[in-house]
Amino acid sequence: MALQPDFNAIARGISDLSDQVRLCANLPAVDHGARLFELLEELRTIVIDTREAVRRLEERVGPIETRLDTRFWFPVGASLRSSTDFVPTVI
């Protein structure tokens, strides 16, 4: 007599296969990268917030830098050989 298929083994195999296929939903590629997209959006928000913070900081530091430049100056071509060589000039 020729070998016959084991239908119980086939049923178990199909059941195991369906369990594994169900787990595929956990793969990032299967959910169309939705989580990756969320992470990219979070990073985009962080970058935008950081740029805005730097812009605000530059706005605050710019005038301070300008005031310092007008109050103290360092002659072009001068060198600092010691800490006593440079005495700021106050206008």
C-alpha atoms as a PDB file:
ATOM      1  CA  MET A   1       0.000   0.000   0.000  1.00  0.00           C
ATOM      2  CA  ALA A   2       1.278   3.497  -0.894  1.00  0.00           C
ATOM      3  CA  LEU A   3       1.948   6.041   1.827  1.00  0.00           C
ATOM      4  CA  GLN A   4      -1.047   8.166   2.731  1.00  0.00           C
ATOM      5  CA  PRO A   5      -1.009  11.768   3.963  1.00  0.00           C
ATOM      6  CA  ASP A   6      -1.357  12.355   7.693  1.00  0.00           C
ATOM      7  CA  PHE A   7      -4.240  14.808   7.846  1.00  0.00           C
ATOM      8  CA  ASN A   8      -3.696  15.413  11.566  1.00  0.00           C
ATOM      9  CA  ALA A   9      -0.091  16.476  10.859  1.00  0.00           C
ATOM     10  CA  ILE A  10      -1.321  18.713   8.037  1.00  0.00           C
ATOM     11  CA  ALA A  11      -3.883  20.342  10.368  1.00  0.00           C
ATOM     12  CA  ARG A  12      -1.214  20.968  13.033  1.00  0.00           C
ATOM     13  CA  GLY A  13       1.088  22.450  10.399  1.00  0.00           C
ATOM     14  CA  ILE A  14      -1.628  24.790   9.109  1.00  0.00           C
ATOM     15  CA  SER A  15      -2.421  25.824  12.681  1.00  0.00           C
ATOM     16  CA  ASP A  16       1.271  26.534  13.415  1.00  0.00           C
ATOM     17  CA  LEU A  17       1.583  28.421  10.140  1.00  0.00           C
ATOM     18  CA  SER A  18      -1.434  30.608  10.944  1.00  0.00           C
ATOM     19  CA  ASP A  19       0.048  31.407  14.372  1.00  0.00           C
ATOM     20  CA  GLN A  20       3.297  32.521  12.727  1.00  0.00           C
ATOM     21  CA  VAL A  21       1.529  34.546  10.040  1.00  0.00           C
ATOM     22  CA  ARG A  22      -0.416  36.358  12.772  1.00  0.00           C
ATOM     23  CA  LEU A  23       2.913  37.362  14.371  1.00  0.00           C
ATOM     24  CA  CYS A  24       4.011  39.021  11.128  1.00  0.00           C
ATOM     25  CA  ALA A  25       1.895  42.016  12.141  1.00  0.00           C
ATOM     26  CA  ASN A  26       4.653  42.815  14.673  1.00  0.00           C
ATOM     27  CA  LEU A  27       7.253  43.347  11.935  1.00  0.00           C
ATOM     28  CA  PRO A  28       8.031  47.011  11.126  1.00  0.00           C
ATOM     29  CA  ALA A  29       7.873  46.386   7.382  1.00  0.00           C
ATOM     30  CA  VAL A  30       4.417  44.870   7.654  1.00  0.00           C
ATOM     31  CA  ASP A  31       2.881  47.890   9.377  1.00  0.00           C
ATOM     32  CA  HIS A  32       4.189  50.024   6.500  1.00  0.00           C
ATOM     33  CA  GLY A  33       6.807  51.606   8.710  1.00  0.00           C
ATOM     34  CA  ALA A  34       4.205  53.507  10.748  1.00  0.00           C
ATOM     35  CA  ARG A  35       6.388  53.446  13.856  1.00  0.00           C
ATOM     36  CA  LEU A  36       9.410  54.565  11.875  1.00  0.00           C
ATOM     37  CA  PHE A  37       7.350  57.419  10.462  1.00  0.00           C
ATOM     38  CA  GLU A  38       6.296  58.408  14.000  1.00  0.00           C
ATOM     39  CA  LEU A  39       9.929  58.444  15.103  1.00  0.00           C
ATOM     40  CA  LEU A  40      10.921  60.555  12.107  1.00  0.00           C
ATOM     41  CA  GLU A  41       8.157  63.014  12.927  1.00  0.00           C
ATOM     42  CA  GLU A  42       9.405  63.217  16.530  1.00  0.00           C
ATOM     43  CA  LEU A  43      12.938  63.892  15.284  1.00  0.00           C
ATOM     44  CA  ARG A  44      11.627  66.531  12.874  1.00  0.00           C
ATOM     45  CA  THR A  45       9.842  68.273  15.741  1.00  0.00           C
ATOM     46  CA  ILE A  46      12.998  68.181  17.863  1.00  0.00           C
ATOM     47  CA  VAL A  47      15.065  69.678  15.033  1.00  0.00           C
ATOM     48  CA  ILE A  48      12.509  72.449  14.452  1.00  0.00           C
ATOM     49  CA  ASP A  49      12.376  73.239  18.183  1.00  0.00           C
ATOM     50  CA  THR A  50      16.174  73.267  18.394  1.00  0.00           C
ATOM     51  CA  ARG A  51      16.480  75.605  15.411  1.00  0.00           C
ATOM     52  CA  GLU A  52      13.967  77.968  16.979  1.00  0.00           C
ATOM     53  CA  ALA A  53      15.801  77.896  20.319  1.00  0.00           C
ATOM     54  CA  VAL A  54      19.118  78.662  18.601  1.00  0.00           C
ATOM     55  CA  ARG A  55      17.494  81.506  16.640  1.00  0.00           C
ATOM     56  CA  ARG A  56      16.122  83.015  19.861  1.00  0.00           C
ATOM     57  CA  LEU A  57      19.507  82.621  21.542  1.00  0.00           C
ATOM     58  CA  GLU A  58      21.240  84.327  18.621  1.00  0.00           C
ATOM     59  CA  GLU A  59      18.763  87.210  18.882  1.00  0.00           C
ATOM     60  CA  ARG A  60      19.620  87.615  22.567  1.00  0.00           C
ATOM     61  CA  VAL A  61      23.384  87.200  22.213  1.00  0.00           C
ATOM     62  CA  GLY A  62      23.775  89.434  19.138  1.00  0.00           C
ATOM     63  CA  PRO A  63      23.128  92.728  20.917  1.00  0.00           C
ATOM     64  CA  ILE A  64      25.355  91.691  23.828  1.00  0.00           C
ATOM     65  CA  GLU A  65      28.144  90.875  21.392  1.00  0.00           C
ATOM     66  CA  THR A  66      27.676  94.232  19.671  1.00  0.00           C
ATOM     67  CA  ARG A  67      27.863  96.105  22.998  1.00  0.00           C
ATOM     68  CA  LEU A  68      31.031  94.227  23.932  1.00  0.00           C
ATOM     69  CA  ASP A  69      32.558  94.984  20.545  1.00  0.00           C
ATOM     70  CA  THR A  70      31.906  98.710  20.996  1.00  0.00           C
ATOM     71  CA  ARG A  71      33.200  98.817  24.586  1.00  0.00           C
ATOM     72  CA  PHE A  72      36.317  96.700  24.237  1.00  0.00           C
ATOM     73  CA  TRP A  73      38.572  96.392  21.276  1.00  0.00           C
ATOM     74  CA  PHE A  74      41.715  94.486  20.519  1.00  0.00           C
ATOM     75  CA  PRO A  75      44.126  96.216  18.118  1.00  0.00           C
ATOM     76  CA  VAL A  76      44.591  94.393  14.825  1.00  0.00           C
ATOM     77  CA  GLY A  77      47.995  92.727  14.621  1.00  0.00           C
ATOM     78  CA  ALA A  78      48.610  92.875  18.376  1.00  0.00           C
ATOM     79  CA  SER A  79      49.587  89.719  20.188  1.00  0.00           C
ATOM     80  CA  LEU A  80      49.034  88.484  23.707  1.00  0.00           C
ATOM     81  CA  ARG A  81      52.481  87.602  25.020  1.00  0.00           C
ATOM     82  CA  SER A  82      51.332  87.712  28.613  1.00  0.00           C
ATOM     83  CA  SER A  83      48.176  88.425  30.504  1.00  0.00           C
ATOM     84  CA  THR A  84      49.356  92.009  31.125  1.00  0.00           C
ATOM     85  CA  ASP A  85      49.825  92.815  27.414  1.00  0.00           C
ATOM     86  CA  PHE A  86      46.138  93.280  26.842  1.00  0.00           C
ATOM     87  CA  VAL A  87      44.219  95.921  28.718  1.00  0.00           C
ATOM     88  CA  PRO A  88      40.743  96.530  27.326  1.00  0.00           C
ATOM     89  CA  THR A  89      39.964 100.053  26.277  1.00  0.00           C
ATOM     90  CA  VAL A  90      36.691 101.362  27.668  1.00  0.00           C
ATOM     91  CA  ILE A  91      34.945 103.930  25.529  1.00  0.00           C
END
